Amino acid sequence: NPEHPWLALGDQQMLAKAGLFKRDYQ
């Protein structure tokens, strides 16, 4: 997908969007 929204993100932003960096709400 040439217009994939993650392509404009930085590396760490991409990881956060992908759910690979998260917060434990407890």
mmCIF file of all heavy atoms, coordinates in Angstrom:
data_MODEL
# 
_entry.id   MODEL 
# 
loop_
_atom_site.group_PDB 
_atom_site.id 
_atom_site.type_symbol 
_atom_site.label_atom_id 
_atom_site.label_alt_id 
_atom_site.label_comp_id 
_atom_site.label_asym_id 
_atom_site.label_entity_id 
_atom_site.label_seq_id 
_atom_site.pdbx_PDB_ins_code 
_atom_site.Cartn_x 
_atom_site.Cartn_y 
_atom_site.Cartn_z 
_atom_site.occupancy 
_atom_site.B_iso_or_equiv 
_atom_site.pdbx_formal_charge 
_atom_site.auth_seq_id 
_atom_site.auth_comp_id 
_atom_site.auth_asym_id 
_atom_site.auth_atom_id 
_atom_site.pdbx_PDB_model_num 
ATOM 1   N N   . ASN A 1 1  ? 0.852  -1.193 0.000  1.00 0.00 ? 1  ASN A N   1 
ATOM 2   C CA  . ASN A 1 1  ? 0.000  0.000  0.000  1.00 0.00 ? 1  ASN A CA  1 
ATOM 3   C C   . ASN A 1 1  ? 0.888  1.243  0.000  1.00 0.00 ? 1  ASN A C   1 
ATOM 4   O O   . ASN A 1 1  ? 1.385  1.649  1.045  1.00 0.00 ? 1  ASN A O   1 
ATOM 5   C CB  . ASN A 1 1  ? -0.907 -0.003 1.236  1.00 0.00 ? 1  ASN A CB  1 
ATOM 6   C CG  . ASN A 1 1  ? -1.784 1.241  1.313  1.00 0.00 ? 1  ASN A CG  1 
ATOM 7   O OD1 . ASN A 1 1  ? -1.888 2.003  0.357  1.00 0.00 ? 1  ASN A OD1 1 
ATOM 8   N ND2 . ASN A 1 1  ? -2.403 1.456  2.468  1.00 0.00 ? 1  ASN A ND2 1 
ATOM 9   N N   . PRO A 1 2  ? 1.107  1.870  -1.163 1.00 0.00 ? 2  PRO A N   1 
ATOM 10  C CA  . PRO A 1 2  ? 1.986  3.043  -1.244 1.00 0.00 ? 2  PRO A CA  1 
ATOM 11  C C   . PRO A 1 2  ? 1.557  4.197  -0.343 1.00 0.00 ? 2  PRO A C   1 
ATOM 12  O O   . PRO A 1 2  ? 2.375  5.061  -0.019 1.00 0.00 ? 2  PRO A O   1 
ATOM 13  C CB  . PRO A 1 2  ? 1.911  3.445  -2.724 1.00 0.00 ? 2  PRO A CB  1 
ATOM 14  C CG  . PRO A 1 2  ? 1.464  2.210  -3.426 1.00 0.00 ? 2  PRO A CG  1 
ATOM 15  C CD  . PRO A 1 2  ? 0.568  1.490  -2.471 1.00 0.00 ? 2  PRO A CD  1 
ATOM 16  N N   . GLU A 1 3  ? 0.279  4.207  0.075  1.00 0.00 ? 3  GLU A N   1 
ATOM 17  C CA  . GLU A 1 3  ? -0.211 5.287  0.931  1.00 0.00 ? 3  GLU A CA  1 
ATOM 18  C C   . GLU A 1 3  ? -0.429 4.828  2.370  1.00 0.00 ? 3  GLU A C   1 
ATOM 19  O O   . GLU A 1 3  ? -1.218 5.429  3.115  1.00 0.00 ? 3  GLU A O   1 
ATOM 20  C CB  . GLU A 1 3  ? -1.511 5.842  0.346  1.00 0.00 ? 3  GLU A CB  1 
ATOM 21  C CG  . GLU A 1 3  ? -1.343 6.440  -1.050 1.00 0.00 ? 3  GLU A CG  1 
ATOM 22  C CD  . GLU A 1 3  ? -2.632 7.013  -1.604 1.00 0.00 ? 3  GLU A CD  1 
ATOM 23  O OE1 . GLU A 1 3  ? -3.653 6.954  -0.888 1.00 0.00 ? 3  GLU A OE1 1 
ATOM 24  O OE2 . GLU A 1 3  ? -2.618 7.513  -2.731 1.00 0.00 ? 3  GLU A OE2 1 
ATOM 25  N N   . HIS A 1 4  ? 0.278  3.781  2.767  1.00 0.00 ? 4  HIS A N   1 
ATOM 26  C CA  . HIS A 1 4  ? 0.125  3.268  4.132  1.00 0.00 ? 4  HIS A CA  1 
ATOM 27  C C   . HIS A 1 4  ? 0.439  4.382  5.135  1.00 0.00 ? 4  HIS A C   1 
ATOM 28  O O   . HIS A 1 4  ? 1.482  5.036  5.037  1.00 0.00 ? 4  HIS A O   1 
ATOM 29  C CB  . HIS A 1 4  ? 1.068  2.080  4.353  1.00 0.00 ? 4  HIS A CB  1 
ATOM 30  C CG  . HIS A 1 4  ? 0.717  1.256  5.550  1.00 0.00 ? 4  HIS A CG  1 
ATOM 31  N ND1 . HIS A 1 4  ? 0.782  1.749  6.841  1.00 0.00 ? 4  HIS A ND1 1 
ATOM 32  C CD2 . HIS A 1 4  ? 0.288  -0.022 5.671  1.00 0.00 ? 4  HIS A CD2 1 
ATOM 33  C CE1 . HIS A 1 4  ? 0.419  0.811  7.694  1.00 0.00 ? 4  HIS A CE1 1 
ATOM 34  N NE2 . HIS A 1 4  ? 0.108  -0.268 7.013  1.00 0.00 ? 4  HIS A NE2 1 
ATOM 35  N N   . PRO A 1 5  ? -0.459 4.630  6.103  1.00 0.00 ? 5  PRO A N   1 
ATOM 36  C CA  . PRO A 1 5  ? -0.249 5.747  7.038  1.00 0.00 ? 5  PRO A CA  1 
ATOM 37  C C   . PRO A 1 5  ? 0.997  5.609  7.897  1.00 0.00 ? 5  PRO A C   1 
ATOM 38  O O   . PRO A 1 5  ? 1.500  6.619  8.417  1.00 0.00 ? 5  PRO A O   1 
ATOM 39  C CB  . PRO A 1 5  ? -1.527 5.740  7.895  1.00 0.00 ? 5  PRO A CB  1 
ATOM 40  C CG  . PRO A 1 5  ? -2.130 4.391  7.699  1.00 0.00 ? 5  PRO A CG  1 
ATOM 41  C CD  . PRO A 1 5  ? -1.750 3.958  6.328  1.00 0.00 ? 5  PRO A CD  1 
ATOM 42  N N   . TRP A 1 6  ? 1.514  4.392  8.086  1.00 0.00 ? 6  TRP A N   1 
ATOM 43  C CA  . TRP A 1 6  ? 2.707  4.227  8.909  1.00 0.00 ? 6  TRP A CA  1 
ATOM 44  C C   . TRP A 1 6  ? 3.982  4.693  8.211  1.00 0.00 ? 6  TRP A C   1 
ATOM 45  O O   . TRP A 1 6  ? 5.000  4.899  8.858  1.00 0.00 ? 6  TRP A O   1 
ATOM 46  C CB  . TRP A 1 6  ? 2.868  2.767  9.323  1.00 0.00 ? 6  TRP A CB  1 
ATOM 47  C CG  . TRP A 1 6  ? 1.827  2.298  10.292 1.00 0.00 ? 6  TRP A CG  1 
ATOM 48  C CD1 . TRP A 1 6  ? 0.797  3.028  10.823 1.00 0.00 ? 6  TRP A CD1 1 
ATOM 49  C CD2 . TRP A 1 6  ? 1.710  0.995  10.846 1.00 0.00 ? 6  TRP A CD2 1 
ATOM 50  N NE1 . TRP A 1 6  ? 0.043  2.259  11.661 1.00 0.00 ? 6  TRP A NE1 1 
ATOM 51  C CE2 . TRP A 1 6  ? 0.578  1.000  11.700 1.00 0.00 ? 6  TRP A CE2 1 
ATOM 52  C CE3 . TRP A 1 6  ? 2.435  -0.182 10.712 1.00 0.00 ? 6  TRP A CE3 1 
ATOM 53  C CZ2 . TRP A 1 6  ? 0.173  -0.118 12.415 1.00 0.00 ? 6  TRP A CZ2 1 
ATOM 54  C CZ3 . TRP A 1 6  ? 2.035  -1.312 11.420 1.00 0.00 ? 6  TRP A CZ3 1 
ATOM 55  C CH2 . TRP A 1 6  ? 0.922  -1.274 12.259 1.00 0.00 ? 6  TRP A CH2 1 
ATOM 56  N N   . LEU A 1 7  ? 3.931  4.829  6.887  1.00 0.00 ? 7  LEU A N   1 
ATOM 57  C CA  . LEU A 1 7  ? 5.142  5.182  6.152  1.00 0.00 ? 7  LEU A CA  1 
ATOM 58  C C   . LEU A 1 7  ? 5.652  6.571  6.521  1.00 0.00 ? 7  LEU A C   1 
ATOM 59  O O   . LEU A 1 7  ? 6.853  6.854  6.403  1.00 0.00 ? 7  LEU A O   1 
ATOM 60  C CB  . LEU A 1 7  ? 4.882  5.109  4.642  1.00 0.00 ? 7  LEU A CB  1 
ATOM 61  C CG  . LEU A 1 7  ? 4.564  3.711  4.086  1.00 0.00 ? 7  LEU A CG  1 
ATOM 62  C CD1 . LEU A 1 7  ? 4.213  3.797  2.601  1.00 0.00 ? 7  LEU A CD1 1 
ATOM 63  C CD2 . LEU A 1 7  ? 5.743  2.767  4.301  1.00 0.00 ? 7  LEU A CD2 1 
ATOM 64  N N   . ALA A 1 8  ? 4.775  7.450  6.961  1.00 0.00 ? 8  ALA A N   1 
ATOM 65  C CA  . ALA A 1 8  ? 5.175  8.813  7.317  1.00 0.00 ? 8  ALA A CA  1 
ATOM 66  C C   . ALA A 1 8  ? 5.637  8.925  8.765  1.00 0.00 ? 8  ALA A C   1 
ATOM 67  O O   . ALA A 1 8  ? 6.082  9.988  9.191  1.00 0.00 ? 8  ALA A O   1 
ATOM 68  C CB  . ALA A 1 8  ? 4.004  9.772  7.069  1.00 0.00 ? 8  ALA A CB  1 
ATOM 69  N N   . LEU A 1 9  ? 5.572  7.835  9.517  1.00 0.00 ? 9  LEU A N   1 
ATOM 70  C CA  . LEU A 1 9  ? 5.927  7.867  10.935 1.00 0.00 ? 9  LEU A CA  1 
ATOM 71  C C   . LEU A 1 9  ? 7.401  7.560  11.143 1.00 0.00 ? 9  LEU A C   1 
ATOM 72  O O   . LEU A 1 9  ? 8.030  6.857  10.346 1.00 0.00 ? 9  LEU A O   1 
ATOM 73  C CB  . LEU A 1 9  ? 5.090  6.854  11.714 1.00 0.00 ? 9  LEU A CB  1 
ATOM 74  C CG  . LEU A 1 9  ? 3.569  6.995  11.646 1.00 0.00 ? 9  LEU A CG  1 
ATOM 75  C CD1 . LEU A 1 9  ? 2.909  5.865  12.418 1.00 0.00 ? 9  LEU A CD1 1 
ATOM 76  C CD2 . LEU A 1 9  ? 3.123  8.344  12.196 1.00 0.00 ? 9  LEU A CD2 1 
ATOM 77  N N   . GLY A 1 10 ? 7.946  8.048  12.254 1.00 0.00 ? 10 GLY A N   1 
ATOM 78  C CA  . GLY A 1 10 ? 9.280  7.643  12.661 1.00 0.00 ? 10 GLY A CA  1 
ATOM 79  C C   . GLY A 1 10 ? 9.272  6.216  13.161 1.00 0.00 ? 10 GLY A C   1 
ATOM 80  O O   . GLY A 1 10 ? 8.202  5.631  13.398 1.00 0.00 ? 10 GLY A O   1 
ATOM 81  N N   . ASP A 1 11 ? 10.460 5.645  13.358 1.00 0.00 ? 11 ASP A N   1 
ATOM 82  C CA  . ASP A 1 11 ? 10.542 4.232  13.753 1.00 0.00 ? 11 ASP A CA  1 
ATOM 83  C C   . ASP A 1 11 ? 9.822  3.971  15.074 1.00 0.00 ? 11 ASP A C   1 
ATOM 84  O O   . ASP A 1 11 ? 9.051  3.012  15.199 1.00 0.00 ? 11 ASP A O   1 
ATOM 85  C CB  . ASP A 1 11 ? 12.015 3.810  13.863 1.00 0.00 ? 11 ASP A CB  1 
ATOM 86  C CG  . ASP A 1 11 ? 12.729 3.872  12.522 1.00 0.00 ? 11 ASP A CG  1 
ATOM 87  O OD1 . ASP A 1 11 ? 12.035 3.924  11.494 1.00 0.00 ? 11 ASP A OD1 1 
ATOM 88  O OD2 . ASP A 1 11 ? 13.977 3.869  12.515 1.00 0.00 ? 11 ASP A OD2 1 
ATOM 89  N N   . GLN A 1 12 ? 10.068 4.818  16.067 1.00 0.00 ? 12 GLN A N   1 
ATOM 90  C CA  . GLN A 1 12 ? 9.446  4.588  17.369 1.00 0.00 ? 12 GLN A CA  1 
ATOM 91  C C   . GLN A 1 12 ? 7.943  4.862  17.319 1.00 0.00 ? 12 GLN A C   1 
ATOM 92  O O   . GLN A 1 12 ? 7.163  4.175  17.999 1.00 0.00 ? 12 GLN A O   1 
ATOM 93  C CB  . GLN A 1 12 ? 10.122 5.479  18.421 1.00 0.00 ? 12 GLN A CB  1 
ATOM 94  C CG  . GLN A 1 12 ? 11.599 5.117  18.639 1.00 0.00 ? 12 GLN A CG  1 
ATOM 95  C CD  . GLN A 1 12 ? 12.236 5.924  19.735 1.00 0.00 ? 12 GLN A CD  1 
ATOM 96  O OE1 . GLN A 1 12 ? 11.739 5.974  20.856 1.00 0.00 ? 12 GLN A OE1 1 
ATOM 97  N NE2 . GLN A 1 12 ? 13.355 6.575  19.421 1.00 0.00 ? 12 GLN A NE2 1 
ATOM 98  N N   . GLN A 1 13 ? 7.542  5.829  16.514 1.00 0.00 ? 13 GLN A N   1 
ATOM 99  C CA  . GLN A 1 13 ? 6.104  6.075  16.351 1.00 0.00 ? 13 GLN A CA  1 
ATOM 100 C C   . GLN A 1 13 ? 5.414  4.869  15.708 1.00 0.00 ? 13 GLN A C   1 
ATOM 101 O O   . GLN A 1 13 ? 4.308  4.494  16.090 1.00 0.00 ? 13 GLN A O   1 
ATOM 102 C CB  . GLN A 1 13 ? 5.885  7.318  15.487 1.00 0.00 ? 13 GLN A CB  1 
ATOM 103 C CG  . GLN A 1 13 ? 6.266  8.633  16.139 1.00 0.00 ? 13 GLN A CG  1 
ATOM 104 C CD  . GLN A 1 13 ? 6.099  9.794  15.173 1.00 0.00 ? 13 GLN A CD  1 
ATOM 105 O OE1 . GLN A 1 13 ? 6.630  9.767  14.060 1.00 0.00 ? 13 GLN A OE1 1 
ATOM 106 N NE2 . GLN A 1 13 ? 5.362  10.813 15.590 1.00 0.00 ? 13 GLN A NE2 1 
ATOM 107 N N   . MET A 1 14 ? 6.091  4.264  14.717 1.00 0.00 ? 14 MET A N   1 
ATOM 108 C CA  . MET A 1 14 ? 5.527  3.088  14.063 1.00 0.00 ? 14 MET A CA  1 
ATOM 109 C C   . MET A 1 14 ? 5.325  1.955  15.064 1.00 0.00 ? 14 MET A C   1 
ATOM 110 O O   . MET A 1 14 ? 4.276  1.291  15.070 1.00 0.00 ? 14 MET A O   1 
ATOM 111 C CB  . MET A 1 14 ? 6.443  2.614  12.928 1.00 0.00 ? 14 MET A CB  1 
ATOM 112 C CG  . MET A 1 14 ? 5.914  1.387  12.186 1.00 0.00 ? 14 MET A CG  1 
ATOM 113 S SD  . MET A 1 14 ? 7.131  0.627  11.097 1.00 0.00 ? 14 MET A SD  1 
ATOM 114 C CE  . MET A 1 14 ? 7.385  1.941  9.912  1.00 0.00 ? 14 MET A CE  1 
ATOM 115 N N   . LEU A 1 15 ? 6.310  1.733  15.912 1.00 0.00 ? 15 LEU A N   1 
ATOM 116 C CA  . LEU A 1 15 ? 6.193  0.660  16.900 1.00 0.00 ? 15 LEU A CA  1 
ATOM 117 C C   . LEU A 1 15 ? 5.031  0.910  17.851 1.00 0.00 ? 15 LEU A C   1 
ATOM 118 O O   . LEU A 1 15 ? 4.308  -0.015 18.228 1.00 0.00 ? 15 LEU A O   1 
ATOM 119 C CB  . LEU A 1 15 ? 7.508  0.538  17.685 1.00 0.00 ? 15 LEU A CB  1 
ATOM 120 C CG  . LEU A 1 15 ? 8.728  0.088  16.870 1.00 0.00 ? 15 LEU A CG  1 
ATOM 121 C CD1 . LEU A 1 15 ? 9.989  0.156  17.726 1.00 0.00 ? 15 LEU A CD1 1 
ATOM 122 C CD2 . LEU A 1 15 ? 8.536  -1.318 16.327 1.00 0.00 ? 15 LEU A CD2 1 
ATOM 123 N N   . ALA A 1 16 ? 4.849  2.183  18.221 1.00 0.00 ? 16 ALA A N   1 
ATOM 124 C CA  . ALA A 1 16 ? 3.734  2.512  19.116 1.00 0.00 ? 16 ALA A CA  1 
ATOM 125 C C   . ALA A 1 16 ? 2.393  2.287  18.417 1.00 0.00 ? 16 ALA A C   1 
ATOM 126 O O   . ALA A 1 16 ? 1.459  1.724  18.999 1.00 0.00 ? 16 ALA A O   1 
ATOM 127 C CB  . ALA A 1 16 ? 3.863  3.957  19.588 1.00 0.00 ? 16 ALA A CB  1 
ATOM 128 N N   . LYS A 1 17 ? 2.278  2.714  17.145 1.00 0.00 ? 17 LYS A N   1 
ATOM 129 C CA  . LYS A 1 17 ? 1.040  2.520  16.400 1.00 0.00 ? 17 LYS A CA  1 
ATOM 130 C C   . LYS A 1 17 ? 0.719  1.038  16.211 1.00 0.00 ? 17 LYS A C   1 
ATOM 131 O O   . LYS A 1 17 ? -0.447 0.638  16.162 1.00 0.00 ? 17 LYS A O   1 
ATOM 132 C CB  . LYS A 1 17 ? 1.140  3.190  15.021 1.00 0.00 ? 17 LYS A CB  1 
ATOM 133 C CG  . LYS A 1 17 ? 1.018  4.703  15.053 1.00 0.00 ? 17 LYS A CG  1 
ATOM 134 C CD  . LYS A 1 17 ? -0.392 5.146  15.416 1.00 0.00 ? 17 LYS A CD  1 
ATOM 135 C CE  . LYS A 1 17 ? -0.531 6.666  15.299 1.00 0.00 ? 17 LYS A CE  1 
ATOM 136 N NZ  . LYS A 1 17 ? -1.879 7.123  15.726 1.00 0.00 ? 17 LYS A NZ  1 
ATOM 137 N N   . ALA A 1 18 ? 1.768  0.227  16.086 1.00 0.00 ? 18 ALA A N   1 
ATOM 138 C CA  . ALA A 1 18 ? 1.576  -1.210 15.887 1.00 0.00 ? 18 ALA A CA  1 
ATOM 139 C C   . ALA A 1 18 ? 1.266  -1.944 17.187 1.00 0.00 ? 18 ALA A C   1 
ATOM 140 O O   . ALA A 1 18 ? 1.070  -3.159 17.180 1.00 0.00 ? 18 ALA A O   1 
ATOM 141 C CB  . ALA A 1 18 ? 2.822  -1.802 15.241 1.00 0.00 ? 18 ALA A CB  1 
ATOM 142 N N   . GLY A 1 19 ? 1.234  -1.221 18.305 1.00 0.00 ? 19 GLY A N   1 
ATOM 143 C CA  . GLY A 1 19 ? 0.944  -1.849 19.584 1.00 0.00 ? 19 GLY A CA  1 
ATOM 144 C C   . GLY A 1 19 ? 2.135  -2.589 20.174 1.00 0.00 ? 19 GLY A C   1 
ATOM 145 O O   . GLY A 1 19 ? 1.969  -3.412 21.083 1.00 0.00 ? 19 GLY A O   1 
ATOM 146 N N   . LEU A 1 20 ? 3.343  -2.274 19.696 1.00 0.00 ? 20 LEU A N   1 
ATOM 147 C CA  . LEU A 1 20 ? 4.554  -2.943 20.186 1.00 0.00 ? 20 LEU A CA  1 
ATOM 148 C C   . LEU A 1 20 ? 5.210  -2.179 21.328 1.00 0.00 ? 20 LEU A C   1 
ATOM 149 O O   . LEU A 1 20 ? 6.160  -2.668 21.941 1.00 0.00 ? 20 LEU A O   1 
ATOM 150 C CB  . LEU A 1 20 ? 5.546  -3.127 19.033 1.00 0.00 ? 20 LEU A CB  1 
ATOM 151 C CG  . LEU A 1 20 ? 4.986  -3.883 17.818 1.00 0.00 ? 20 LEU A CG  1 
ATOM 152 C CD1 . LEU A 1 20 ? 6.033  -3.974 16.714 1.00 0.00 ? 20 LEU A CD1 1 
ATOM 153 C CD2 . LEU A 1 20 ? 4.499  -5.261 18.209 1.00 0.00 ? 20 LEU A CD2 1 
ATOM 154 N N   . PHE A 1 21 ? 4.729  -0.977 21.592 1.00 0.00 ? 21 PHE A N   1 
ATOM 155 C CA  . PHE A 1 21 ? 5.131  -0.196 22.770 1.00 0.00 ? 21 PHE A CA  1 
ATOM 156 C C   . PHE A 1 21 ? 3.838  0.211  23.459 1.00 0.00 ? 21 PHE A C   1 
ATOM 157 O O   . PHE A 1 21 ? 2.935  0.770  22.833 1.00 0.00 ? 21 PHE A O   1 
ATOM 158 C CB  . PHE A 1 21 ? 5.929  1.055  22.364 1.00 0.00 ? 21 PHE A CB  1 
ATOM 159 C CG  . PHE A 1 21 ? 6.405  1.877  23.539 1.00 0.00 ? 21 PHE A CG  1 
ATOM 160 C CD1 . PHE A 1 21 ? 7.647  1.643  24.094 1.00 0.00 ? 21 PHE A CD1 1 
ATOM 161 C CD2 . PHE A 1 21 ? 5.591  2.857  24.092 1.00 0.00 ? 21 PHE A CD2 1 
ATOM 162 C CE1 . PHE A 1 21 ? 8.085  2.396  25.187 1.00 0.00 ? 21 PHE A CE1 1 
ATOM 163 C CE2 . PHE A 1 21 ? 6.022  3.603  25.189 1.00 0.00 ? 21 PHE A CE2 1 
ATOM 164 C CZ  . PHE A 1 21 ? 7.279  3.370  25.734 1.00 0.00 ? 21 PHE A CZ  1 
ATOM 165 N N   . LYS A 1 22 ? 3.724  -0.078 24.740 1.00 0.00 ? 22 LYS A N   1 
ATOM 166 C CA  . LYS A 1 22 ? 2.442  0.197  25.390 1.00 0.00 ? 22 LYS A CA  1 
ATOM 167 C C   . LYS A 1 22 ? 2.632  0.528  26.860 1.00 0.00 ? 22 LYS A C   1 
ATOM 168 O O   . LYS A 1 22 ? 3.730  0.391  27.422 1.00 0.00 ? 22 LYS A O   1 
ATOM 169 C CB  . LYS A 1 22 ? 1.505  -1.004 25.242 1.00 0.00 ? 22 LYS A CB  1 
ATOM 170 C CG  . LYS A 1 22 ? 1.903  -2.225 26.042 1.00 0.00 ? 22 LYS A CG  1 
ATOM 171 C CD  . LYS A 1 22 ? 0.851  -3.329 25.905 1.00 0.00 ? 22 LYS A CD  1 
ATOM 172 C CE  . LYS A 1 22 ? 1.116  -4.471 26.860 1.00 0.00 ? 22 LYS A CE  1 
ATOM 173 N NZ  . LYS A 1 22 ? 0.078  -5.521 26.773 1.00 0.00 ? 22 LYS A NZ  1 
ATOM 174 N N   . ARG A 1 23 ? 1.526  0.946  27.463 1.00 0.00 ? 23 ARG A N   1 
ATOM 175 C CA  . ARG A 1 23 ? 1.500  1.255  28.891 1.00 0.00 ? 23 ARG A CA  1 
ATOM 176 C C   . ARG A 1 23 ? 0.642  0.230  29.602 1.00 0.00 ? 23 ARG A C   1 
ATOM 177 O O   . ARG A 1 23 ? -0.427 -0.145 29.124 1.00 0.00 ? 23 ARG A O   1 
ATOM 178 C CB  . ARG A 1 23 ? 0.918  2.646  29.123 1.00 0.00 ? 23 ARG A CB  1 
ATOM 179 C CG  . ARG A 1 23 ? 0.786  3.004  30.611 1.00 0.00 ? 23 ARG A CG  1 
ATOM 180 C CD  . ARG A 1 23 ? 0.008  4.286  30.828 1.00 0.00 ? 23 ARG A CD  1 
ATOM 181 N NE  . ARG A 1 23 ? 0.640  5.385  30.117 1.00 0.00 ? 23 ARG A NE  1 
ATOM 182 C CZ  . ARG A 1 23 ? -0.027 6.203  29.303 1.00 0.00 ? 23 ARG A CZ  1 
ATOM 183 N NH1 . ARG A 1 23 ? -1.319 6.019  29.083 1.00 0.00 ? 23 ARG A NH1 1 
ATOM 184 N NH2 . ARG A 1 23 ? 0.599  7.192  28.701 1.00 0.00 ? 23 ARG A NH2 1 
ATOM 185 N N   . ASP A 1 24 ? 1.107  -0.242 30.756 1.00 0.00 ? 24 ASP A N   1 
ATOM 186 C CA  . ASP A 1 24 ? 0.318  -1.117 31.618 1.00 0.00 ? 24 ASP A CA  1 
ATOM 187 C C   . ASP A 1 24 ? -0.584 -0.228 32.457 1.00 0.00 ? 24 ASP A C   1 
ATOM 188 O O   . ASP A 1 24 ? -0.103 0.527  33.313 1.00 0.00 ? 24 ASP A O   1 
ATOM 189 C CB  . ASP A 1 24 ? 1.246  -1.955 32.510 1.00 0.00 ? 24 ASP A CB  1 
ATOM 190 C CG  . ASP A 1 24 ? 0.486  -3.000 33.305 1.00 0.00 ? 24 ASP A CG  1 
ATOM 191 O OD1 . ASP A 1 24 ? -0.619 -2.689 33.803 1.00 0.00 ? 24 ASP A OD1 1 
ATOM 192 O OD2 . ASP A 1 24 ? 0.995  -4.131 33.453 1.00 0.00 ? 24 ASP A OD2 1 
ATOM 193 N N   . TYR A 1 25 ? -1.901 -0.297 32.204 1.00 0.00 ? 25 TYR A N   1 
ATOM 194 C CA  . TYR A 1 25 ? -2.821 0.618  32.862 1.00 0.00 ? 25 TYR A CA  1 
ATOM 195 C C   . TYR A 1 25 ? -3.031 0.278  34.341 1.00 0.00 ? 25 TYR A C   1 
ATOM 196 O O   . TYR A 1 25 ? -3.613 1.081  35.081 1.00 0.00 ? 25 TYR A O   1 
ATOM 197 C CB  . TYR A 1 25 ? -4.162 0.634  32.120 1.00 0.00 ? 25 TYR A CB  1 
ATOM 198 C CG  . TYR A 1 25 ? -4.098 1.364  30.805 1.00 0.00 ? 25 TYR A CG  1 
ATOM 199 C CD1 . TYR A 1 25 ? -3.900 0.687  29.608 1.00 0.00 ? 25 TYR A CD1 1 
ATOM 200 C CD2 . TYR A 1 25 ? -4.200 2.745  30.766 1.00 0.00 ? 25 TYR A CD2 1 
ATOM 201 C CE1 . TYR A 1 25 ? -3.821 1.368  28.400 1.00 0.00 ? 25 TYR A CE1 1 
ATOM 202 C CE2 . TYR A 1 25 ? -4.121 3.434  29.558 1.00 0.00 ? 25 TYR A CE2 1 
ATOM 203 C CZ  . TYR A 1 25 ? -3.936 2.746  28.377 1.00 0.00 ? 25 TYR A CZ  1 
ATOM 204 O OH  . TYR A 1 25 ? -3.848 3.428  27.193 1.00 0.00 ? 25 TYR A OH  1 
ATOM 205 N N   . GLN A 1 26 ? -2.562 -0.855 34.787 1.00 0.00 ? 26 GLN A N   1 
ATOM 206 C CA  . GLN A 1 26 ? -2.666 -1.188 36.202 1.00 0.00 ? 26 GLN A CA  1 
ATOM 207 C C   . GLN A 1 26 ? -1.472 -0.665 36.986 1.00 0.00 ? 26 GLN A C   1 
ATOM 208 O O   . GLN A 1 26 ? -1.610 -0.170 38.100 1.00 0.00 ? 26 GLN A O   1 
ATOM 209 C CB  . GLN A 1 26 ? -2.776 -2.703 36.384 1.00 0.00 ? 26 GLN A CB  1 
ATOM 210 C CG  . GLN A 1 26 ? -4.149 -3.251 36.044 1.00 0.00 ? 26 GLN A CG  1 
ATOM 211 C CD  . GLN A 1 26 ? -4.288 -4.705 36.446 1.00 0.00 ? 26 GLN A CD  1 
ATOM 212 O OE1 . GLN A 1 26 ? -3.347 -5.485 36.323 1.00 0.00 ? 26 GLN A OE1 1 
ATOM 213 N NE2 . GLN A 1 26 ? -5.464 -5.074 36.915 1.00 0.00 ? 26 GLN A NE2 1 
# 
